[in-house]
Amino acid sequence: MAAPPPAAALRRWEREQARLRAGVVEEDTEQWQKDPSFTGLERVGGVDLSYIKGDDSSACASLVVLSYPALEVLYEDCRMVAVSAPYVAGFLAFREVPFLVEAVQRLQQEEPKLKPQVLLVDGNGLLHPRGFGVACHLGVLTDLPCIGVAKNLLQVDGLTRDEVHREQIRSLQREGDSFPLTGTSGRLLGMADIRSREYIRKQLCSPLEVVSSGALSGKKETGLDD
């Protein structure tokens, strides 16, 4: 396992997040985003790093593009990568985003017509201690709308895994069921919903209207979501 970075590196990462955070676009900019049926959305991408069991320095960086709504595979890019940056809660992007950016760049060079109109990212977006999770980070660097999909609730802005939250999770029974994740600041940070009837997994997503250049909110490693 990589050694944790020194305090100076963490401060530098925080400054970089603050600088890039200014590039997040929280309003819908594409016409398909404003249509409840997503008319005009034709290509959806997904990215993730999957780690070799027992080896947190070897991972498969994947980018897949599907047609929408047929969900036929249009493009696949999967490459083994050597991960050197350590995992630090709140700074997942510095560990994984460089490989994801490279995957997007290869797509743009090899098959520019298959560039996705939106990317699903394994990680949070605005639902983050500094409001700039891995989905925001990737969105700003690639200038692509990003929807982060997280598996765990980050307890920020007053959001807690209390009994009220657990009861809300239990109420999600059917595909399409959801409830908002609103912080004490009054800001909508995400949505909790169910994505599949066959394999019902409670997932957390940033709000669908936040998909312009930065965020919609998983991380397998240590069970944390950045």
Protein backbone atom coordinates (compact mmCIF):
# COMPACT_ATOMS: atom_id res chain seq x y z
CA MET A 1 0.00 0.00 0.00
CA ALA A 2 1.28 3.45 -0.90
CA ALA A 3 2.36 5.63 2.00
CA PRO A 4 0.06 8.55 2.82
CA PRO A 5 1.15 11.84 1.25
CA PRO A 6 2.77 14.51 3.42
CA ALA A 7 0.69 17.37 4.73
CA ALA A 8 2.19 19.71 2.14
CA ALA A 9 0.88 17.48 -0.67
CA LEU A 10 -2.61 17.47 0.82
CA ARG A 11 -2.61 21.25 1.03
CA ARG A 12 -1.52 21.40 -2.61
CA TRP A 13 -4.33 19.01 -3.58
CA GLU A 14 -6.83 21.17 -1.68
CA ARG A 15 -5.66 24.27 -3.56
CA GLU A 16 -5.97 22.41 -6.86
CA GLN A 17 -9.53 21.34 -6.01
CA ALA A 18 -10.43 24.92 -5.12
CA ARG A 19 -8.96 26.19 -8.40
CA LEU A 20 -10.75 23.62 -10.56
CA ARG A 21 -13.99 23.99 -8.60
CA ALA A 22 -14.52 27.32 -10.33
CA GLY A 23 -14.95 25.42 -13.59
CA VAL A 24 -17.96 23.40 -12.44
CA VAL A 25 -21.15 24.24 -14.33
CA GLU A 26 -24.21 23.35 -12.25
CA GLU A 27 -26.83 24.45 -14.78
CA ASP A 28 -28.09 22.43 -17.71
CA THR A 29 -26.43 23.58 -20.92
CA GLU A 30 -27.52 20.92 -23.41
CA GLN A 31 -31.01 20.72 -24.83
CA TRP A 32 -31.40 17.02 -24.02
CA GLN A 33 -30.75 17.78 -20.34
CA LYS A 34 -33.84 19.98 -20.26
CA ASP A 35 -36.14 17.36 -21.81
CA PRO A 36 -37.71 14.93 -19.28
CA SER A 37 -37.44 12.15 -21.88
CA PHE A 38 -33.83 13.09 -22.75
CA THR A 39 -34.64 13.57 -26.41
CA GLY A 40 -31.37 14.11 -28.26
CA LEU A 41 -29.31 11.96 -25.88
CA GLU A 42 -27.69 9.29 -28.07
CA ARG A 43 -24.43 8.24 -26.34
CA VAL A 44 -23.79 7.52 -22.66
CA GLY A 45 -20.35 6.65 -21.28
CA GLY A 46 -19.16 5.04 -18.07
CA VAL A 47 -15.73 5.05 -16.42
CA ASP A 48 -14.21 3.17 -13.51
CA LEU A 49 -10.99 1.82 -12.05
CA SER A 50 -11.25 -1.78 -10.83
CA TYR A 51 -8.44 -2.96 -8.58
CA ILE A 52 -6.76 -6.34 -8.51
CA LYS A 53 -7.79 -8.12 -5.32
CA GLY A 54 -5.05 -7.77 -2.76
CA ASP A 55 -3.08 -5.27 -4.86
CA ASP A 56 -4.14 -1.63 -4.63
CA SER A 57 -1.44 -0.55 -7.07
CA SER A 58 -2.74 -2.50 -10.08
CA ALA A 59 -6.05 -1.59 -11.66
CA CYS A 60 -8.02 -1.81 -14.87
CA ALA A 61 -9.06 1.61 -16.15
CA SER A 62 -12.21 1.26 -18.24
CA LEU A 63 -14.27 3.49 -20.50
CA VAL A 64 -17.37 2.15 -22.23
CA VAL A 65 -19.77 4.06 -24.46
CA LEU A 66 -23.31 2.83 -25.05
CA SER A 67 -26.00 3.96 -27.41
CA TYR A 68 -29.09 5.47 -25.79
CA PRO A 69 -31.77 4.30 -25.27
CA ALA A 70 -30.87 0.93 -26.87
CA LEU A 71 -27.76 0.55 -24.61
CA GLU A 72 -25.71 -1.18 -27.30
CA VAL A 73 -21.93 -1.11 -26.81
CA LEU A 74 -20.36 1.37 -29.24
CA TYR A 75 -16.85 1.63 -27.79
CA GLU A 76 -14.69 -0.09 -25.16
CA ASP A 77 -11.29 0.82 -23.75
CA CYS A 78 -9.87 -1.26 -20.89
CA ARG A 79 -6.21 -1.01 -19.89
CA MET A 80 -4.18 -2.16 -16.92
CA VAL A 81 -2.53 0.74 -15.11
CA ALA A 82 -0.03 1.11 -12.29
CA VAL A 83 -1.52 3.33 -9.57
CA SER A 84 1.07 5.11 -7.45
CA ALA A 85 -0.86 7.84 -5.65
CA PRO A 86 -2.29 6.73 -2.29
CA TYR A 87 -5.98 6.67 -1.48
CA VAL A 88 -6.90 9.58 0.77
CA ALA A 89 -10.53 10.24 1.63
CA GLY A 90 -11.73 13.32 -0.22
CA PHE A 91 -8.88 13.19 -2.75
CA LEU A 92 -9.75 10.14 -4.85
CA ALA A 93 -9.42 12.15 -8.08
CA PHE A 94 -5.67 12.54 -7.65
CA ARG A 95 -5.37 8.76 -7.56
CA GLU A 96 -7.69 7.85 -10.44
CA VAL A 97 -8.63 10.78 -12.68
CA PRO A 98 -5.35 10.91 -14.68
CA PHE A 99 -6.08 7.42 -16.07
CA LEU A 100 -9.69 8.31 -16.85
CA VAL A 101 -8.67 11.50 -18.64
CA GLU A 102 -6.24 9.46 -20.76
CA ALA A 103 -9.06 7.06 -21.67
CA VAL A 104 -11.29 9.94 -22.76
CA GLN A 105 -8.43 11.45 -24.78
CA ARG A 106 -7.83 8.13 -26.59
CA LEU A 107 -11.51 7.98 -27.49
CA GLN A 108 -11.44 11.52 -28.84
CA GLN A 109 -8.39 10.66 -30.98
CA GLU A 110 -9.56 7.25 -32.21
CA GLU A 111 -13.35 7.59 -32.48
CA PRO A 112 -14.32 11.25 -32.05
CA LYS A 113 -17.83 10.61 -33.37
CA LEU A 114 -18.44 8.28 -30.42
CA LYS A 115 -17.67 10.90 -27.78
CA PRO A 116 -20.28 10.44 -25.02
CA GLN A 117 -22.72 13.21 -24.27
CA VAL A 118 -22.58 12.32 -20.58
CA LEU A 119 -20.29 10.18 -18.41
CA LEU A 120 -21.28 8.04 -15.42
CA VAL A 121 -18.45 8.13 -12.89
CA ASP A 122 -17.82 5.80 -9.95
CA GLY A 123 -17.56 8.52 -7.32
CA ASN A 124 -19.22 11.60 -5.90
CA GLY A 125 -19.63 15.03 -7.44
CA LEU A 126 -20.98 17.92 -5.36
CA LEU A 127 -21.65 15.57 -2.46
CA HIS A 128 -18.13 15.98 -1.13
CA PRO A 129 -16.42 17.74 1.82
CA ARG A 130 -15.23 20.53 -0.48
CA GLY A 131 -17.99 20.22 -3.07
CA PHE A 132 -15.61 18.80 -5.67
CA GLY A 133 -15.58 15.03 -5.87
CA VAL A 134 -14.07 12.82 -8.55
CA ALA A 135 -17.03 13.30 -10.93
CA CYS A 136 -16.63 17.09 -10.79
CA HIS A 137 -12.88 16.76 -11.25
CA LEU A 138 -13.21 14.58 -14.35
CA GLY A 139 -15.97 16.76 -15.78
CA VAL A 140 -13.91 19.92 -15.54
CA LEU A 141 -10.77 18.34 -17.04
CA THR A 142 -12.61 16.71 -19.96
CA ASP A 143 -15.33 19.34 -20.44
CA LEU A 144 -17.92 16.55 -20.40
CA PRO A 145 -21.14 16.37 -18.38
CA CYS A 146 -20.49 13.87 -15.57
CA ILE A 147 -22.91 11.95 -13.37
CA GLY A 148 -21.24 10.50 -10.31
CA VAL A 149 -22.75 7.30 -8.88
CA ALA A 150 -21.85 6.56 -5.27
CA LYS A 151 -22.55 3.59 -3.05
CA ASN A 152 -22.15 5.22 0.35
CA LEU A 153 -23.48 8.42 1.84
CA LEU A 154 -20.80 10.97 2.64
CA GLN A 155 -21.89 12.72 5.82
CA VAL A 156 -21.39 16.34 4.80
CA ASP A 157 -23.50 19.48 5.17
CA GLY A 158 -25.58 17.88 7.90
CA LEU A 159 -26.39 14.68 6.01
CA THR A 160 -26.21 11.70 8.36
CA ARG A 161 -26.89 7.98 8.28
CA ASP A 162 -29.48 8.29 11.02
CA GLU A 163 -32.71 6.35 11.44
CA VAL A 164 -34.63 8.85 9.29
CA HIS A 165 -32.19 8.27 6.43
CA ARG A 166 -32.30 4.50 6.87
CA GLU A 167 -36.09 4.57 6.78
CA GLN A 168 -35.99 6.58 3.58
CA ILE A 169 -33.65 3.99 2.06
CA ARG A 170 -36.01 1.20 3.09
CA SER A 171 -38.84 3.02 1.34
CA LEU A 172 -37.11 2.64 -2.04
CA GLN A 173 -38.93 -0.39 -3.41
CA ARG A 174 -39.52 0.17 -7.14
CA GLU A 175 -37.43 1.33 -10.06
CA GLY A 176 -37.74 5.10 -10.22
CA ASP A 177 -38.24 5.57 -6.48
CA SER A 178 -35.94 8.26 -5.11
CA PHE A 179 -35.56 10.96 -2.49
CA PRO A 180 -33.41 14.11 -2.41
CA LEU A 181 -30.21 14.50 -0.39
CA THR A 182 -30.52 18.07 0.82
CA GLY A 183 -27.94 19.51 3.19
CA THR A 184 -28.67 21.77 6.13
CA SER A 185 -27.53 24.62 3.89
CA GLY A 186 -30.64 23.94 1.80
CA ARG A 187 -28.54 22.86 -1.16
CA LEU A 188 -29.56 19.78 -3.13
CA LEU A 189 -26.42 17.63 -3.16
CA GLY A 190 -27.78 14.45 -4.68
CA MET A 191 -30.51 11.88 -4.95
CA ALA A 192 -30.88 8.40 -3.49
CA ASP A 193 -32.58 5.98 -5.84
CA ILE A 194 -32.87 2.45 -7.20
CA ARG A 195 -31.47 1.67 -10.62
CA SER A 196 -32.46 -1.95 -11.22
CA ARG A 197 -35.38 -4.25 -10.44
CA GLU A 198 -33.30 -7.39 -10.93
CA TYR A 199 -30.42 -6.32 -8.70
CA ILE A 200 -31.79 -3.80 -6.26
CA ARG A 201 -28.89 -1.75 -4.99
CA LYS A 202 -29.41 1.55 -3.25
CA GLN A 203 -27.28 4.12 -5.04
CA LEU A 204 -26.61 7.79 -4.52
CA CYS A 205 -26.48 10.22 -7.43
CA SER A 206 -25.99 13.93 -7.66
CA PRO A 207 -29.07 15.70 -9.02
CA LEU A 208 -29.73 15.16 -12.72
CA GLU A 209 -29.78 18.85 -13.43
CA VAL A 210 -26.13 19.08 -12.39
CA VAL A 211 -24.66 17.44 -15.48
CA SER A 212 -23.17 20.23 -17.51
CA SER A 213 -19.41 20.29 -16.86
CA GLY A 214 -19.03 18.94 -13.44
CA ALA A 215 -21.06 16.65 -11.32
CA LEU A 216 -23.57 14.15 -10.55
CA SER A 217 -22.37 12.06 -7.52
CA GLY A 218 -18.69 5.23 -5.45
CA LYS A 219 -15.66 4.07 -4.41
CA LYS A 220 -14.87 0.43 -3.83
CA GLU A 221 -11.67 1.05 -1.92
CA THR A 222 -12.22 1.12 1.84
CA GLY A 223 -15.92 1.60 1.18
CA LEU A 224 -15.59 5.37 0.86
CA ASP A 225 -17.03 7.55 -1.88
CA ASP A 226 -15.16 10.57 -3.16
